[in-house]
Amino acid sequence: MFVTPSHGSGRGPVRVAVVGTGAIARVSHLPALTALAAEQPLEIVAAVDVSADAAESFRADAGIAHAYTDLDRMLAEQRPDLVTLCTPPRFHRDQTVAALRAGAWVWCEKPPCPSLEDFDAIEAAEGADGGPYASIVFQHRFGSGSRHVRELLARGALGRPLVVHCQTTWYRDQAYYSVPWRGSWADEGGGTTMGHGIHQMDLLLDLLGPWAEIRAMAGRLVHDIETEDVSTALVRFGNGALATVVSSALCPDEVSRIRIDCARATVELTHLYGHRNADWRITPAPGVSAGEAAAWQDFGADEPSSHEVQLRGLLADLRAGRRPRSSGDDGRKSLELVTALYKAAFTGATVRAGEIVPGDPFYSTLHGGVPGWAPGGAAKAAP
């Protein structure tokens, strides 16, 4: 049974609880919440962490009234309208379901959860009409640049998409993987594909629409971990465009890039962890008029991609009682593509959209139980 929240429908400030008080909560969620509290009725009412010291430190630093180590107790006592989840992925399913059942909306850090089975359980716990809903943090699809390019592509101004590159080539040393939950299927859900590359893949899907089929490879080339530290894939989209997708934790020259070659123009985004208007470039094909090409360059006021801009939209949706972007099927599509990439890489098969369903071993775990990749079967990194 759902508990009706006491605020968030125009009768008072939206009451927010932050669950997990580590780096992402401090660096991204708290600044976004603080900025939005200055422009609209919003109150952070609680901080939750398994560590009492961490919860208390976050509470004191942020000026929050209450600190908890027990999520269920916090939900019962504070009855928040919104819970922001900043915990490791293995906790996301149970914590999201608990918050939804308590009547709270959820804004959950990526990766959303370790499997499609988990995501479907979360979606089943959402409210029928008006919420509560669970949305995933995919902040790269928000902001003025992505909004402008999405509109150009949607109305066909750039012509039919043809050739696509999606690149997340980052660098992570072994110290990065010394954090206990990283590099583990059980705790992190997947490797660099799931933890890093999913951001650009989500943005790509948001720009281009549904994918149709995928072939892939993955490797554990450097790090002594269970999961992969590099993957490559070939993707055919429903509109016929052909894409290469690379995710890596091995690249000293770090970059995030999306390039879409269309019939009338090339659009390219080059950035690292977030983008502004200046990070987008549109190159017209021969024959495009100067006036039309100039109009494509008008991105409007610069609104960088950020947690803040996504959260602003989510709060508006919460108050209106409408499903937010990056929730339900819209939030699931990136996880489905990532899951299909793992299946294609570990089995050598071509995987088609919609084929990973209950009963498929990759529906419940991203490693699919494949020897050499499943827990206990990890090989040492290549020299």
Protein backbone atom coordinates (compact mmCIF):
# COMPACT_ATOMS: atom_id res chain seq x y z
CA MET A 1 0.00 0.00 0.00
CA PHE A 2 1.25 3.46 -0.86
CA VAL A 3 1.50 6.15 1.79
CA THR A 4 0.36 9.55 0.59
CA PRO A 5 3.12 12.13 1.12
CA SER A 6 2.20 15.28 3.00
CA HIS A 7 3.85 17.81 0.70
CA GLY A 8 5.04 18.31 -2.85
CA SER A 9 1.65 18.96 -4.45
CA GLY A 10 1.66 22.73 -4.04
CA ARG A 11 0.71 22.74 -0.36
CA GLY A 12 4.20 23.23 1.00
CA PRO A 13 7.89 22.66 0.40
CA VAL A 14 9.06 19.43 -1.20
CA ARG A 15 10.66 17.39 1.58
CA VAL A 16 13.85 15.66 0.41
CA ALA A 17 15.99 12.96 2.01
CA VAL A 18 19.52 12.16 0.84
CA VAL A 19 20.42 8.47 1.14
CA GLY A 20 24.15 7.77 0.92
CA THR A 21 26.41 10.64 1.94
CA GLY A 22 29.59 9.94 -0.03
CA ALA A 23 31.28 11.89 -2.80
CA ILE A 24 28.42 12.00 -5.32
CA ALA A 25 26.03 13.26 -2.65
CA ARG A 26 28.42 16.03 -1.60
CA VAL A 27 29.71 17.03 -5.03
CA SER A 28 26.54 16.79 -7.12
CA HIS A 29 23.30 16.19 -5.21
CA LEU A 30 23.73 18.59 -2.32
CA PRO A 31 24.80 21.56 -4.51
CA ALA A 32 21.84 20.92 -6.84
CA LEU A 33 19.39 20.72 -3.95
CA THR A 34 20.85 23.82 -2.31
CA ALA A 35 20.62 25.84 -5.52
CA LEU A 36 17.04 24.78 -6.15
CA ALA A 37 16.02 25.46 -2.53
CA ALA A 38 16.98 29.08 -3.17
CA GLU A 39 14.45 29.37 -5.99
CA GLN A 40 11.51 27.21 -4.89
CA PRO A 41 9.93 25.64 -1.77
CA LEU A 42 12.26 22.74 -0.94
CA GLU A 43 13.68 21.40 2.32
CA ILE A 44 16.29 18.70 2.92
CA VAL A 45 14.87 16.94 5.96
CA ALA A 46 17.20 13.97 6.48
CA ALA A 47 20.51 12.34 5.63
CA VAL A 48 20.89 8.56 5.73
CA ASP A 49 24.05 6.46 5.72
CA VAL A 50 25.09 3.07 7.09
CA SER A 51 27.83 4.95 8.91
CA ALA A 52 26.46 7.05 11.76
CA ASP A 53 29.54 9.27 11.63
CA ALA A 54 29.13 9.87 7.90
CA ALA A 55 25.43 10.65 8.24
CA GLU A 56 26.07 13.04 11.12
CA SER A 57 28.94 14.78 9.32
CA PHE A 58 26.79 15.31 6.22
CA ARG A 59 23.88 16.51 8.35
CA ALA A 60 26.04 19.02 10.19
CA ASP A 61 27.82 20.31 7.07
CA ALA A 62 24.57 20.75 5.15
CA GLY A 63 22.51 22.12 8.03
CA ILE A 64 20.01 19.26 7.89
CA ALA A 65 17.84 18.54 10.92
CA HIS A 66 18.03 14.75 11.06
CA ALA A 67 20.60 11.99 10.49
CA TYR A 68 19.74 8.28 10.28
CA THR A 69 21.38 4.92 9.73
CA ASP A 70 18.02 3.18 9.13
CA LEU A 71 16.22 3.97 5.87
CA ASP A 72 12.87 2.49 6.91
CA ARG A 73 12.86 4.47 10.13
CA MET A 74 13.62 7.68 8.26
CA LEU A 75 10.84 7.03 5.76
CA ALA A 76 8.34 6.40 8.54
CA GLU A 77 9.35 9.38 10.66
CA GLN A 78 10.09 12.03 8.04
CA ARG A 79 7.77 10.99 5.19
CA PRO A 80 9.83 12.67 2.48
CA ASP A 81 8.34 13.53 -0.89
CA LEU A 82 11.60 12.78 -2.70
CA VAL A 83 14.52 10.48 -1.90
CA THR A 84 17.81 10.97 -3.73
CA LEU A 85 19.79 7.73 -3.79
CA CYS A 86 23.59 8.07 -3.76
CA THR A 87 24.42 4.52 -2.70
CA PRO A 88 26.25 1.69 -4.52
CA PRO A 89 24.15 0.03 -7.26
CA ARG A 90 23.52 -3.22 -5.41
CA PHE A 91 21.32 -1.32 -2.91
CA HIS A 92 19.26 0.57 -5.49
CA ARG A 93 16.47 -1.94 -6.01
CA ASP A 94 15.57 -2.50 -2.35
CA GLN A 95 16.03 1.14 -1.35
CA THR A 96 14.02 2.44 -4.29
CA VAL A 97 11.17 0.01 -3.68
CA ALA A 98 11.12 0.91 0.02
CA ALA A 99 10.92 4.62 -0.76
CA LEU A 100 8.21 4.15 -3.41
CA ARG A 101 6.10 2.07 -1.05
CA ALA A 102 6.44 4.84 1.54
CA GLY A 103 5.00 7.29 -0.97
CA ALA A 104 8.26 9.02 -1.92
CA TRP A 105 9.49 9.69 -5.43
CA VAL A 106 13.06 8.56 -6.08
CA TRP A 107 15.95 10.11 -7.97
CA CYS A 108 18.55 7.36 -8.24
CA GLU A 109 22.18 7.69 -9.29
CA LYS A 110 23.36 5.65 -12.22
CA PRO A 111 23.96 2.83 -12.77
CA PRO A 112 20.24 2.40 -12.12
CA CYS A 113 20.52 -1.15 -10.73
CA PRO A 114 22.48 -4.32 -11.54
CA SER A 115 19.94 -5.97 -13.86
CA LEU A 116 16.81 -5.61 -15.94
CA GLU A 117 15.10 -7.87 -13.42
CA ASP A 118 15.84 -5.32 -10.70
CA PHE A 119 14.65 -2.43 -12.86
CA ASP A 120 11.39 -4.17 -13.67
CA ALA A 121 10.80 -4.79 -9.96
CA ILE A 122 11.30 -1.08 -9.33
CA GLU A 123 8.91 -0.12 -12.11
CA ALA A 124 6.31 -2.53 -10.71
CA ALA A 125 6.50 -0.72 -7.36
CA GLU A 126 5.69 2.69 -8.85
CA GLY A 127 2.28 4.31 -8.48
CA ALA A 128 -0.26 3.85 -11.27
CA ASP A 129 -1.22 7.45 -11.98
CA GLY A 130 0.47 10.49 -10.51
CA GLY A 131 3.33 8.62 -8.89
CA PRO A 132 5.35 7.99 -6.95
CA TYR A 133 7.89 7.40 -9.73
CA ALA A 134 11.59 6.51 -9.79
CA SER A 135 13.86 8.48 -12.13
CA ILE A 136 17.50 7.75 -12.97
CA VAL A 137 20.26 10.37 -12.90
CA PHE A 138 21.17 10.73 -16.58
CA GLN A 139 22.10 14.39 -16.48
CA HIS A 140 23.95 14.41 -19.82
CA ARG A 141 20.67 14.31 -21.76
CA PHE A 142 19.56 17.54 -20.08
CA GLY A 143 20.70 21.07 -20.90
CA SER A 144 20.41 23.50 -23.80
CA GLY A 145 22.88 21.75 -26.13
CA SER A 146 21.29 18.33 -26.09
CA ARG A 147 17.81 19.86 -26.22
CA HIS A 148 18.67 21.88 -29.35
CA VAL A 149 20.28 18.95 -31.18
CA ARG A 150 17.47 16.60 -30.22
CA GLU A 151 14.95 19.00 -31.75
CA LEU A 152 16.98 19.37 -34.96
CA LEU A 153 17.23 15.61 -35.35
CA ALA A 154 13.58 15.01 -34.47
CA ARG A 155 12.28 17.35 -37.18
CA GLY A 156 14.75 16.06 -39.76
CA ALA A 157 16.57 19.36 -40.22
CA LEU A 158 19.96 17.62 -40.40
CA GLY A 159 18.76 14.83 -42.65
CA ARG A 160 18.74 11.11 -41.99
CA PRO A 161 21.30 9.89 -39.40
CA LEU A 162 23.80 7.57 -41.07
CA VAL A 163 27.11 7.00 -39.25
CA VAL A 164 27.53 7.36 -35.50
CA HIS A 165 30.38 7.24 -32.97
CA CYS A 166 29.84 7.09 -29.19
CA GLN A 167 33.00 7.23 -27.10
CA THR A 168 33.65 7.17 -23.35
CA THR A 169 37.40 6.76 -23.07
CA TRP A 170 38.40 7.55 -19.50
CA TYR A 171 41.27 6.58 -17.21
CA ARG A 172 41.01 4.80 -13.87
CA ASP A 173 44.04 3.46 -11.98
CA GLN A 174 44.07 0.51 -9.61
CA ALA A 175 43.53 2.81 -6.63
CA TYR A 176 40.12 3.65 -8.09
CA TYR A 177 39.19 -0.02 -7.88
CA SER A 178 40.42 -0.31 -4.29
CA VAL A 179 36.99 0.94 -3.19
CA PRO A 180 35.42 -2.37 -2.09
CA TRP A 181 32.31 -2.27 -4.29
CA ARG A 182 34.02 -1.29 -7.55
CA GLY A 183 34.92 -3.87 -10.18
CA SER A 184 32.50 -6.38 -8.66
CA TRP A 185 29.45 -7.81 -10.39
CA ALA A 186 27.56 -8.16 -7.11
CA ASP A 187 28.21 -4.63 -5.89
CA GLU A 188 28.68 -2.45 -8.99
CA GLY A 189 26.65 -4.54 -11.43
CA GLY A 190 29.13 -4.10 -14.28
CA GLY A 191 32.40 -2.51 -15.33
CA THR A 192 33.27 0.60 -17.30
CA THR A 193 30.44 -0.03 -19.77
CA MET A 194 27.84 0.08 -17.02
CA GLY A 195 29.52 2.58 -14.72
CA HIS A 196 30.95 5.06 -17.23
CA GLY A 197 29.80 4.46 -20.80
CA ILE A 198 26.11 4.31 -19.92
CA HIS A 199 25.98 8.13 -19.74
CA GLN A 200 26.93 8.69 -23.39
CA MET A 201 24.87 5.70 -24.50
CA ASP A 202 21.84 7.16 -22.75
CA LEU A 203 22.38 10.51 -24.45
CA LEU A 204 22.81 8.78 -27.80
CA LEU A 205 19.53 6.90 -27.40
CA ASP A 206 17.82 10.10 -26.35
CA LEU A 207 19.02 11.79 -29.56
CA LEU A 208 18.58 8.94 -32.06
CA GLY A 209 15.75 6.82 -30.74
CA PRO A 210 15.54 3.02 -30.46
CA TRP A 211 18.34 0.62 -31.36
CA ALA A 212 17.69 -2.61 -33.26
CA GLU A 213 20.70 -4.94 -32.87
CA ILE A 214 24.19 -5.06 -31.37
CA ARG A 215 27.44 -7.01 -31.67
CA ALA A 216 30.25 -6.49 -29.15
CA MET A 217 33.53 -7.46 -27.52
CA ALA A 218 34.81 -6.83 -23.98
CA GLY A 219 38.14 -7.25 -22.26
CA ARG A 220 39.84 -7.20 -18.89
CA LEU A 221 43.12 -5.85 -20.20
CA VAL A 222 44.76 -4.09 -17.24
CA HIS A 223 42.86 -4.21 -13.98
CA ASP A 224 42.57 -7.21 -11.67
CA ILE A 225 38.78 -7.03 -11.33
CA GLU A 226 35.76 -9.25 -12.02
CA THR A 227 34.22 -6.92 -14.58
CA GLU A 228 35.55 -5.53 -17.87
CA ASP A 229 37.75 -2.45 -18.20
CA VAL A 230 37.05 -1.94 -21.93
CA SER A 231 34.28 -2.78 -24.39
CA THR A 232 33.56 -2.07 -28.04
CA ALA A 233 30.29 -2.52 -29.91
CA LEU A 234 28.60 -2.14 -33.27
CA VAL A 235 24.98 -1.01 -33.06
CA ARG A 236 22.29 -0.75 -35.73
CA PHE A 237 19.56 1.73 -34.86
CA GLY A 238 15.92 1.43 -35.81
CA ASN A 239 16.32 4.32 -38.25
CA GLY A 240 19.11 2.41 -40.02
CA ALA A 241 22.08 4.37 -38.65
CA LEU A 242 25.20 2.34 -37.85
CA ALA A 243 27.15 3.16 -34.69
CA THR A 244 30.41 2.28 -32.98
CA VAL A 245 30.38 2.43 -29.19
CA VAL A 246 33.56 2.35 -27.07
CA SER A 247 33.77 2.41 -23.27
CA SER A 248 37.15 2.26 -21.57
CA ALA A 249 38.87 2.92 -18.25
CA LEU A 250 42.34 2.68 -19.85
CA CYS A 251 42.80 5.97 -21.71
CA PRO A 252 45.11 8.70 -20.32
CA ASP A 253 43.76 11.22 -22.85
CA GLU A 254 40.23 11.24 -21.43
CA VAL A 255 37.27 12.29 -23.55
CA SER A 256 33.53 11.75 -23.94
CA ARG A 257 32.33 12.13 -27.51
CA ILE A 258 29.27 11.64 -29.65
CA ARG A 259 29.40 12.22 -33.41
CA ILE A 260 26.39 11.80 -35.69
CA ASP A 261 26.94 12.08 -39.44
CA CYS A 262 23.61 12.87 -41.07
CA ALA A 263 22.72 13.39 -44.71
CA ARG A 264 22.86 17.18 -44.36
CA ALA A 265 25.29 17.78 -41.48
CA THR A 266 27.67 16.32 -38.92
CA VAL A 267 26.88 17.08 -35.30
CA GLU A 268 29.58 16.41 -32.72
CA LEU A 269 29.80 16.74 -28.96
CA THR A 270 33.21 16.61 -27.28
CA HIS A 271 33.51 16.99 -23.51
CA LEU A 272 34.44 14.96 -20.44
CA TYR A 273 32.00 14.92 -17.51
CA GLY A 274 29.46 17.53 -18.69
CA HIS A 275 28.76 19.76 -21.66
CA ARG A 276 27.95 23.37 -22.52
CA ASN A 277 26.75 24.88 -25.78
CA ALA A 278 30.35 25.51 -26.86
CA ASP A 279 31.08 21.75 -26.69
CA TRP A 280 28.71 21.08 -29.60
CA ARG A 281 29.71 21.58 -33.26
CA ILE A 282 27.46 21.34 -36.31
CA THR A 283 29.14 21.14 -39.73
CA PRO A 284 26.80 21.55 -42.71
CA ALA A 285 27.12 19.40 -45.81
CA PRO A 286 27.83 21.03 -49.19
CA GLY A 287 24.71 22.62 -50.59
CA VAL A 288 23.19 23.69 -47.26
CA SER A 289 22.41 27.40 -47.37
CA ALA A 290 24.41 29.75 -45.16
CA GLY A 291 21.21 30.99 -43.55
CA GLU A 292 20.02 27.52 -42.57
CA ALA A 293 23.47 26.54 -41.29
CA ALA A 294 23.61 29.72 -39.21
CA ALA A 295 20.21 28.94 -37.68
CA TRP A 296 21.48 25.53 -36.57
CA GLN A 297 24.18 27.28 -34.52
CA ASP A 298 21.62 29.11 -32.37
CA PHE A 299 21.58 26.97 -29.22
CA GLY A 300 19.90 29.68 -27.12
CA ALA A 301 20.95 30.58 -23.60
CA ASP A 302 23.67 28.30 -22.31
CA GLU A 303 22.26 25.79 -19.83
CA PRO A 304 25.03 23.24 -19.09
CA SER A 305 24.14 19.61 -18.51
CA SER A 306 24.03 19.03 -14.77
CA HIS A 307 22.30 17.36 -11.87
CA GLU A 308 20.65 20.70 -11.16
CA VAL A 309 18.91 21.03 -14.52
CA GLN A 310 17.59 17.46 -14.41
CA LEU A 311 16.43 17.84 -10.83
CA ARG A 312 14.63 21.09 -11.63
CA GLY A 313 12.53 19.25 -14.19
CA LEU A 314 11.93 16.34 -11.84
CA LEU A 315 10.63 18.65 -9.11
CA ALA A 316 8.23 20.28 -11.57
CA ASP A 317 6.97 16.82 -12.54
CA LEU A 318 6.60 15.82 -8.90
CA ARG A 319 4.46 18.84 -8.16
CA ALA A 320 2.36 18.20 -11.28
CA GLY A 321 2.02 14.48 -10.58
CA ARG A 322 3.32 13.46 -14.02
CA ARG A 323 5.88 10.85 -14.96
CA PRO A 324 9.38 12.40 -15.22
CA ARG A 325 11.88 11.80 -17.99
CA SER A 326 14.41 9.04 -17.37
CA SER A 327 11.85 6.90 -15.55
CA GLY A 328 9.88 3.82 -16.60
CA ASP A 329 10.58 2.72 -20.17
CA ASP A 330 12.50 5.95 -20.77
CA GLY A 331 14.90 5.12 -17.94
CA ARG A 332 15.11 1.42 -18.81
CA LYS A 333 16.28 1.77 -22.41
CA SER A 334 19.93 2.52 -21.55
CA LEU A 335 20.14 -0.43 -19.17
CA GLU A 336 18.67 -2.68 -21.85
CA LEU A 337 21.32 -1.58 -24.36
CA VAL A 338 24.12 -2.09 -21.83
CA THR A 339 22.75 -5.53 -20.94
CA ALA A 340 22.59 -6.48 -24.61
CA LEU A 341 26.17 -5.28 -25.08
CA TYR A 342 27.36 -7.61 -22.33
CA LYS A 343 25.39 -10.52 -23.75
CA ALA A 344 26.76 -9.90 -27.24
CA ALA A 345 30.33 -9.57 -25.93
CA PHE A 346 30.27 -12.64 -23.69
CA THR A 347 28.41 -14.97 -26.08
CA GLY A 348 29.63 -13.75 -29.47
CA ALA A 349 26.03 -13.54 -30.67
CA THR A 350 24.14 -10.69 -32.30
CA VAL A 351 21.57 -9.48 -29.77
CA ARG A 352 18.34 -7.82 -30.86
CA ALA A 353 16.29 -5.28 -28.96
CA GLY A 354 13.63 -6.81 -26.76
CA GLU A 355 15.07 -10.34 -26.68
CA ILE A 356 16.42 -10.26 -23.10
CA VAL A 357 13.37 -11.29 -21.09
CA PRO A 358 12.71 -13.34 -17.94
CA GLY A 359 14.39 -16.71 -18.35
CA ASP A 360 17.36 -15.28 -20.23
CA PRO A 361 20.44 -15.56 -17.95
CA PHE A 362 21.38 -11.95 -18.76
CA TYR A 363 18.01 -10.71 -17.51
CA SER A 364 19.05 -11.25 -13.90
CA THR A 365 22.83 -10.68 -14.11
CA LEU A 366 24.95 -8.74 -16.57
CA HIS A 367 27.58 -11.50 -16.70
CA GLY A 368 24.93 -14.07 -17.60
CA GLY A 369 26.83 -16.78 -15.73
CA VAL A 370 29.37 -17.02 -18.55
CA PRO A 371 32.57 -18.85 -17.48
CA GLY A 372 35.53 -16.52 -17.18
CA TRP A 373 33.24 -13.57 -16.46
CA ALA A 374 30.90 -14.82 -13.76
CA PRO A 375 32.10 -14.29 -10.16
CA GLY A 376 34.82 -16.76 -9.23
CA GLY A 377 35.95 -17.14 -12.79
CA ALA A 378 37.78 -13.87 -13.32
CA ALA A 379 41.11 -14.24 -15.05
CA LYS A 380 44.12 -12.10 -14.23
CA ALA A 381 44.62 -9.03 -16.38
CA ALA A 382 46.79 -9.48 -19.43
CA PRO A 383 50.41 -8.41 -18.94
